[in-house]
Amino acid sequence: MDNTDWTITNKPYDLRERWFLFACLIVRVVEFLHRRGPIAIALSPQLLKSGTGANYEEADDGSSPKDARAKKRVVLRELKETNFRLRVLQNRGYLTDVQQPVIDESAE
């Protein structure tokens, strides 16, 4: 993926690896937002927190199967939050059509 490409190519079947690649995209989006003005900068920490998915790594180490499921549900909620924030940023013009693949990935 080069600096102008926002698409994850050859999407891995392994969800842990795919989540890692998505988290890297979110970091790129936040870096991009920091050049877009004070409102975009203010929304960046929320996007960074919900979109980087550290909870997915933690879910595998749940103290029980029930705990692991609960942690994965948290990840799903965070992903929905990330998708919402990305769509708001796009609607308000802080993200461009170039970043559409990131929004699409968050919906997948």
N, C-alpha and C. Protein backbone atom coordinates (compact mmCIF):
# COMPACT_ATOMS: atom_id res chain seq x y z
N MET A 1 0.85 -1.17 0.00
CA MET A 1 0.00 0.00 0.00
C MET A 1 0.90 1.24 0.00
N ASP A 2 0.78 2.08 -1.01
CA ASP A 2 1.60 3.29 -1.05
C ASP A 2 0.85 4.44 -0.38
N ASN A 3 1.43 5.62 -0.41
CA ASN A 3 0.84 6.76 0.31
C ASN A 3 -0.49 7.23 -0.25
N THR A 4 -0.79 6.90 -1.50
CA THR A 4 -2.05 7.33 -2.09
C THR A 4 -3.11 6.24 -2.09
N ASP A 5 -2.70 5.03 -1.77
CA ASP A 5 -3.62 3.89 -1.78
C ASP A 5 -4.11 3.61 -0.37
N TRP A 6 -5.41 3.63 -0.20
CA TRP A 6 -6.02 3.41 1.11
C TRP A 6 -6.72 2.05 1.18
N THR A 7 -6.38 1.16 0.26
CA THR A 7 -7.02 -0.14 0.18
C THR A 7 -6.14 -1.23 0.75
N ILE A 8 -6.72 -2.13 1.50
CA ILE A 8 -5.99 -3.32 1.93
C ILE A 8 -6.08 -4.31 0.77
N THR A 9 -4.95 -4.60 0.18
CA THR A 9 -4.93 -5.56 -0.92
C THR A 9 -4.63 -6.94 -0.36
N ASN A 10 -5.09 -7.95 -1.08
CA ASN A 10 -4.89 -9.33 -0.63
C ASN A 10 -5.31 -9.50 0.82
N LYS A 11 -6.56 -9.18 1.08
CA LYS A 11 -7.07 -9.22 2.46
C LYS A 11 -6.86 -10.61 3.06
N PRO A 12 -6.16 -10.65 4.18
CA PRO A 12 -5.87 -11.95 4.80
C PRO A 12 -7.14 -12.59 5.38
N TYR A 13 -7.14 -13.91 5.37
CA TYR A 13 -8.24 -14.66 5.96
C TYR A 13 -8.18 -14.58 7.49
N ASP A 14 -6.97 -14.50 8.01
CA ASP A 14 -6.75 -14.41 9.46
C ASP A 14 -7.27 -13.07 9.96
N LEU A 15 -8.30 -13.11 10.81
CA LEU A 15 -8.90 -11.87 11.29
C LEU A 15 -7.95 -11.02 12.12
N ARG A 16 -7.06 -11.67 12.84
CA ARG A 16 -6.08 -10.91 13.63
C ARG A 16 -5.19 -10.09 12.71
N GLU A 17 -4.72 -10.67 11.62
CA GLU A 17 -3.87 -9.95 10.67
C GLU A 17 -4.67 -8.86 9.96
N ARG A 18 -5.91 -9.17 9.59
CA ARG A 18 -6.73 -8.16 8.91
C ARG A 18 -7.03 -6.99 9.84
N TRP A 19 -7.31 -7.29 11.10
CA TRP A 19 -7.56 -6.22 12.06
C TRP A 19 -6.32 -5.35 12.23
N PHE A 20 -5.13 -5.99 12.26
CA PHE A 20 -3.87 -5.25 12.36
C PHE A 20 -3.72 -4.28 11.18
N LEU A 21 -3.98 -4.76 9.97
CA LEU A 21 -3.86 -3.91 8.79
C LEU A 21 -4.87 -2.77 8.84
N PHE A 22 -6.08 -3.05 9.32
CA PHE A 22 -7.09 -2.00 9.46
C PHE A 22 -6.65 -0.96 10.49
N ALA A 23 -6.09 -1.42 11.59
CA ALA A 23 -5.60 -0.49 12.62
C ALA A 23 -4.51 0.42 12.05
N CYS A 24 -3.66 -0.13 11.22
CA CYS A 24 -2.63 0.69 10.56
C CYS A 24 -3.26 1.74 9.66
N LEU A 25 -4.34 1.37 8.96
CA LEU A 25 -5.07 2.35 8.14
C LEU A 25 -5.67 3.45 9.00
N ILE A 26 -6.21 3.09 10.14
CA ILE A 26 -6.79 4.09 11.05
C ILE A 26 -5.72 5.08 11.51
N VAL A 27 -4.53 4.58 11.80
CA VAL A 27 -3.44 5.47 12.18
C VAL A 27 -3.14 6.44 11.03
N ARG A 28 -3.14 5.94 9.80
CA ARG A 28 -2.93 6.82 8.64
C ARG A 28 -4.04 7.86 8.52
N VAL A 29 -5.28 7.44 8.76
CA VAL A 29 -6.39 8.39 8.70
C VAL A 29 -6.20 9.49 9.74
N VAL A 30 -5.82 9.10 10.95
CA VAL A 30 -5.61 10.10 12.01
C VAL A 30 -4.48 11.05 11.62
N GLU A 31 -3.41 10.52 11.06
CA GLU A 31 -2.32 11.39 10.59
C GLU A 31 -2.84 12.37 9.53
N PHE A 32 -3.68 11.88 8.64
CA PHE A 32 -4.29 12.71 7.60
C PHE A 32 -5.18 13.79 8.23
N LEU A 33 -5.97 13.39 9.21
CA LEU A 33 -6.89 14.33 9.86
C LEU A 33 -6.16 15.47 10.57
N HIS A 34 -4.98 15.19 11.04
CA HIS A 34 -4.22 16.23 11.75
C HIS A 34 -3.76 17.35 10.82
N ARG A 35 -3.95 17.16 9.55
CA ARG A 35 -3.65 18.24 8.58
C ARG A 35 -4.93 18.91 8.09
N ARG A 36 -6.07 18.55 8.67
CA ARG A 36 -7.37 19.02 8.16
C ARG A 36 -8.06 20.05 9.04
N GLY A 37 -7.46 20.46 10.14
CA GLY A 37 -8.06 21.50 10.96
C GLY A 37 -8.42 21.06 12.35
N PRO A 38 -8.86 22.02 13.19
CA PRO A 38 -9.06 21.74 14.61
C PRO A 38 -10.19 20.75 14.91
N ILE A 39 -11.25 20.75 14.15
CA ILE A 39 -12.34 19.81 14.43
C ILE A 39 -11.88 18.39 14.11
N ALA A 40 -11.23 18.22 12.98
CA ALA A 40 -10.72 16.90 12.62
C ALA A 40 -9.71 16.42 13.66
N ILE A 41 -8.88 17.32 14.13
CA ILE A 41 -7.90 16.96 15.17
C ILE A 41 -8.62 16.55 16.45
N ALA A 42 -9.67 17.25 16.81
CA ALA A 42 -10.41 16.94 18.04
C ALA A 42 -11.09 15.57 17.96
N LEU A 43 -11.53 15.17 16.79
CA LEU A 43 -12.19 13.87 16.63
C LEU A 43 -11.20 12.71 16.49
N SER A 44 -9.96 13.03 16.19
CA SER A 44 -8.94 12.00 15.95
C SER A 44 -8.72 11.03 17.10
N PRO A 45 -8.59 11.51 18.34
CA PRO A 45 -8.33 10.55 19.43
C PRO A 45 -9.45 9.51 19.60
N GLN A 46 -10.68 9.92 19.39
CA GLN A 46 -11.79 8.98 19.50
C GLN A 46 -11.70 7.91 18.42
N LEU A 47 -11.36 8.33 17.21
CA LEU A 47 -11.22 7.39 16.11
C LEU A 47 -10.04 6.45 16.36
N LEU A 48 -8.96 6.99 16.85
CA LEU A 48 -7.78 6.19 17.12
C LEU A 48 -8.06 5.13 18.19
N LYS A 49 -8.79 5.52 19.21
CA LYS A 49 -9.10 4.58 20.28
C LYS A 49 -10.04 3.46 19.82
N SER A 50 -11.09 3.83 19.10
CA SER A 50 -12.07 2.81 18.70
C SER A 50 -11.60 1.98 17.51
N GLY A 51 -10.72 2.53 16.69
CA GLY A 51 -10.36 1.86 15.45
C GLY A 51 -9.10 1.04 15.44
N THR A 52 -8.36 1.04 16.53
CA THR A 52 -7.11 0.30 16.49
C THR A 52 -7.21 -1.10 17.08
N GLY A 53 -8.30 -1.43 17.72
CA GLY A 53 -8.65 -2.81 18.03
C GLY A 53 -7.76 -3.61 18.95
N ALA A 54 -7.13 -3.00 19.91
CA ALA A 54 -6.31 -3.77 20.84
C ALA A 54 -7.15 -4.81 21.58
N ASN A 55 -8.43 -4.56 21.72
CA ASN A 55 -9.30 -5.52 22.42
C ASN A 55 -9.40 -6.84 21.67
N TYR A 56 -9.19 -6.82 20.36
CA TYR A 56 -9.25 -8.08 19.61
C TYR A 56 -8.12 -9.00 20.03
N GLU A 57 -6.94 -8.44 20.22
CA GLU A 57 -5.80 -9.24 20.70
C GLU A 57 -6.09 -9.79 22.09
N GLU A 58 -6.69 -8.97 22.92
CA GLU A 58 -6.97 -9.35 24.30
C GLU A 58 -8.06 -10.44 24.37
N ALA A 59 -8.97 -10.45 23.42
CA ALA A 59 -10.09 -11.39 23.46
C ALA A 59 -9.63 -12.84 23.46
N ASP A 60 -8.55 -13.13 22.78
CA ASP A 60 -8.06 -14.51 22.74
C ASP A 60 -7.58 -15.00 24.10
N ASP A 61 -7.26 -14.08 24.98
CA ASP A 61 -6.77 -14.45 26.29
C ASP A 61 -7.84 -14.28 27.37
N GLY A 62 -9.09 -14.40 26.98
CA GLY A 62 -10.16 -14.30 27.97
C GLY A 62 -10.03 -15.39 29.02
N SER A 63 -10.48 -15.09 30.19
CA SER A 63 -10.34 -16.05 31.29
C SER A 63 -11.27 -17.25 31.13
N SER A 64 -12.24 -17.13 30.24
CA SER A 64 -13.16 -18.23 29.95
C SER A 64 -13.72 -18.01 28.55
N PRO A 65 -14.37 -19.01 27.98
CA PRO A 65 -15.01 -18.80 26.67
C PRO A 65 -16.04 -17.67 26.71
N LYS A 66 -16.75 -17.57 27.82
CA LYS A 66 -17.74 -16.49 27.97
C LYS A 66 -17.05 -15.13 27.98
N ASP A 67 -15.93 -15.03 28.68
CA ASP A 67 -15.17 -13.78 28.73
C ASP A 67 -14.63 -13.43 27.34
N ALA A 68 -14.13 -14.43 26.61
CA ALA A 68 -13.61 -14.18 25.26
C ALA A 68 -14.72 -13.66 24.35
N ARG A 69 -15.92 -14.25 24.43
CA ARG A 69 -17.06 -13.78 23.63
C ARG A 69 -17.42 -12.35 23.99
N ALA A 70 -17.43 -12.05 25.27
CA ALA A 70 -17.77 -10.69 25.72
C ALA A 70 -16.77 -9.68 25.16
N LYS A 71 -15.50 -10.02 25.19
CA LYS A 71 -14.47 -9.11 24.67
C LYS A 71 -14.63 -8.92 23.17
N LYS A 72 -14.99 -9.98 22.45
CA LYS A 72 -15.21 -9.85 21.01
C LYS A 72 -16.43 -8.99 20.70
N ARG A 73 -17.43 -9.02 21.58
CA ARG A 73 -18.59 -8.14 21.41
C ARG A 73 -18.18 -6.68 21.59
N VAL A 74 -17.25 -6.42 22.50
CA VAL A 74 -16.73 -5.07 22.68
C VAL A 74 -16.04 -4.62 21.39
N VAL A 75 -15.27 -5.51 20.80
CA VAL A 75 -14.59 -5.19 19.54
C VAL A 75 -15.60 -4.84 18.46
N LEU A 76 -16.67 -5.59 18.36
CA LEU A 76 -17.69 -5.30 17.37
C LEU A 76 -18.32 -3.93 17.60
N ARG A 77 -18.60 -3.60 18.85
CA ARG A 77 -19.15 -2.27 19.15
C ARG A 77 -18.17 -1.17 18.77
N GLU A 78 -16.88 -1.40 19.04
CA GLU A 78 -15.87 -0.40 18.68
C GLU A 78 -15.78 -0.24 17.17
N LEU A 79 -15.90 -1.34 16.45
CA LEU A 79 -15.86 -1.27 14.99
C LEU A 79 -17.06 -0.49 14.45
N LYS A 80 -18.22 -0.70 15.03
CA LYS A 80 -19.40 0.07 14.62
C LYS A 80 -19.20 1.56 14.92
N GLU A 81 -18.60 1.85 16.08
CA GLU A 81 -18.30 3.24 16.44
C GLU A 81 -17.32 3.85 15.45
N THR A 82 -16.31 3.08 15.06
CA THR A 82 -15.32 3.55 14.10
C THR A 82 -15.98 3.86 12.76
N ASN A 83 -16.83 2.96 12.30
CA ASN A 83 -17.53 3.17 11.03
C ASN A 83 -18.37 4.44 11.09
N PHE A 84 -19.08 4.64 12.20
CA PHE A 84 -19.90 5.84 12.36
C PHE A 84 -19.05 7.10 12.29
N ARG A 85 -17.95 7.11 13.03
CA ARG A 85 -17.08 8.30 13.05
C ARG A 85 -16.49 8.57 11.67
N LEU A 86 -16.08 7.52 10.97
CA LEU A 86 -15.53 7.70 9.62
C LEU A 86 -16.58 8.31 8.69
N ARG A 87 -17.82 7.83 8.79
CA ARG A 87 -18.88 8.36 7.93
C ARG A 87 -19.19 9.82 8.25
N VAL A 88 -19.17 10.17 9.54
CA VAL A 88 -19.39 11.57 9.93
C VAL A 88 -18.27 12.44 9.35
N LEU A 89 -17.03 12.00 9.51
CA LEU A 89 -15.90 12.77 8.98
C LEU A 89 -15.98 12.92 7.47
N GLN A 90 -16.42 11.87 6.80
CA GLN A 90 -16.57 11.96 5.34
C GLN A 90 -17.70 12.92 4.97
N ASN A 91 -18.82 12.82 5.67
CA ASN A 91 -19.97 13.68 5.38
C ASN A 91 -19.63 15.15 5.55
N ARG A 92 -18.80 15.46 6.53
CA ARG A 92 -18.44 16.85 6.80
C ARG A 92 -17.24 17.31 5.97
N GLY A 93 -16.72 16.44 5.11
CA GLY A 93 -15.65 16.84 4.20
C GLY A 93 -14.25 16.71 4.75
N TYR A 94 -14.09 16.12 5.92
CA TYR A 94 -12.76 15.94 6.49
C TYR A 94 -12.04 14.75 5.86
N LEU A 95 -12.80 13.78 5.38
CA LEU A 95 -12.25 12.68 4.60
C LEU A 95 -12.75 12.84 3.17
N THR A 96 -11.94 12.41 2.24
CA THR A 96 -12.30 12.53 0.83
C THR A 96 -12.69 11.16 0.27
N ASP A 97 -13.06 11.14 -0.97
CA ASP A 97 -13.40 9.87 -1.62
C ASP A 97 -12.21 8.92 -1.66
N VAL A 98 -11.02 9.47 -1.56
CA VAL A 98 -9.81 8.64 -1.57
C VAL A 98 -9.80 7.69 -0.37
N GLN A 99 -10.35 8.12 0.75
CA GLN A 99 -10.39 7.27 1.95
C GLN A 99 -11.61 6.34 2.00
N GLN A 100 -12.43 6.32 0.98
CA GLN A 100 -13.60 5.45 0.95
C GLN A 100 -13.26 3.99 1.23
N PRO A 101 -12.13 3.46 0.74
CA PRO A 101 -11.80 2.07 1.07
C PRO A 101 -11.67 1.80 2.56
N VAL A 102 -11.28 2.79 3.34
CA VAL A 102 -11.18 2.61 4.79
C VAL A 102 -12.57 2.46 5.38
N ILE A 103 -13.50 3.28 4.91
CA ILE A 103 -14.88 3.19 5.39
C ILE A 103 -15.48 1.85 4.96
N ASP A 104 -15.22 1.45 3.74
CA ASP A 104 -15.73 0.16 3.26
C ASP A 104 -15.17 -0.99 4.11
N GLU A 105 -13.90 -0.93 4.42
CA GLU A 105 -13.28 -1.98 5.24
C GLU A 105 -13.91 -2.02 6.63
N SER A 106 -14.22 -0.87 7.19
CA SER A 106 -14.83 -0.84 8.52
C SER A 106 -16.22 -1.47 8.49
N ALA A 107 -16.88 -1.41 7.35
CA ALA A 107 -18.21 -2.01 7.23
C ALA A 107 -18.14 -3.52 6.99
N GLU A 108 -17.02 -3.98 6.47
CA GLU A 108 -16.88 -5.42 6.20
C GLU A 108 -16.61 -6.17 7.49
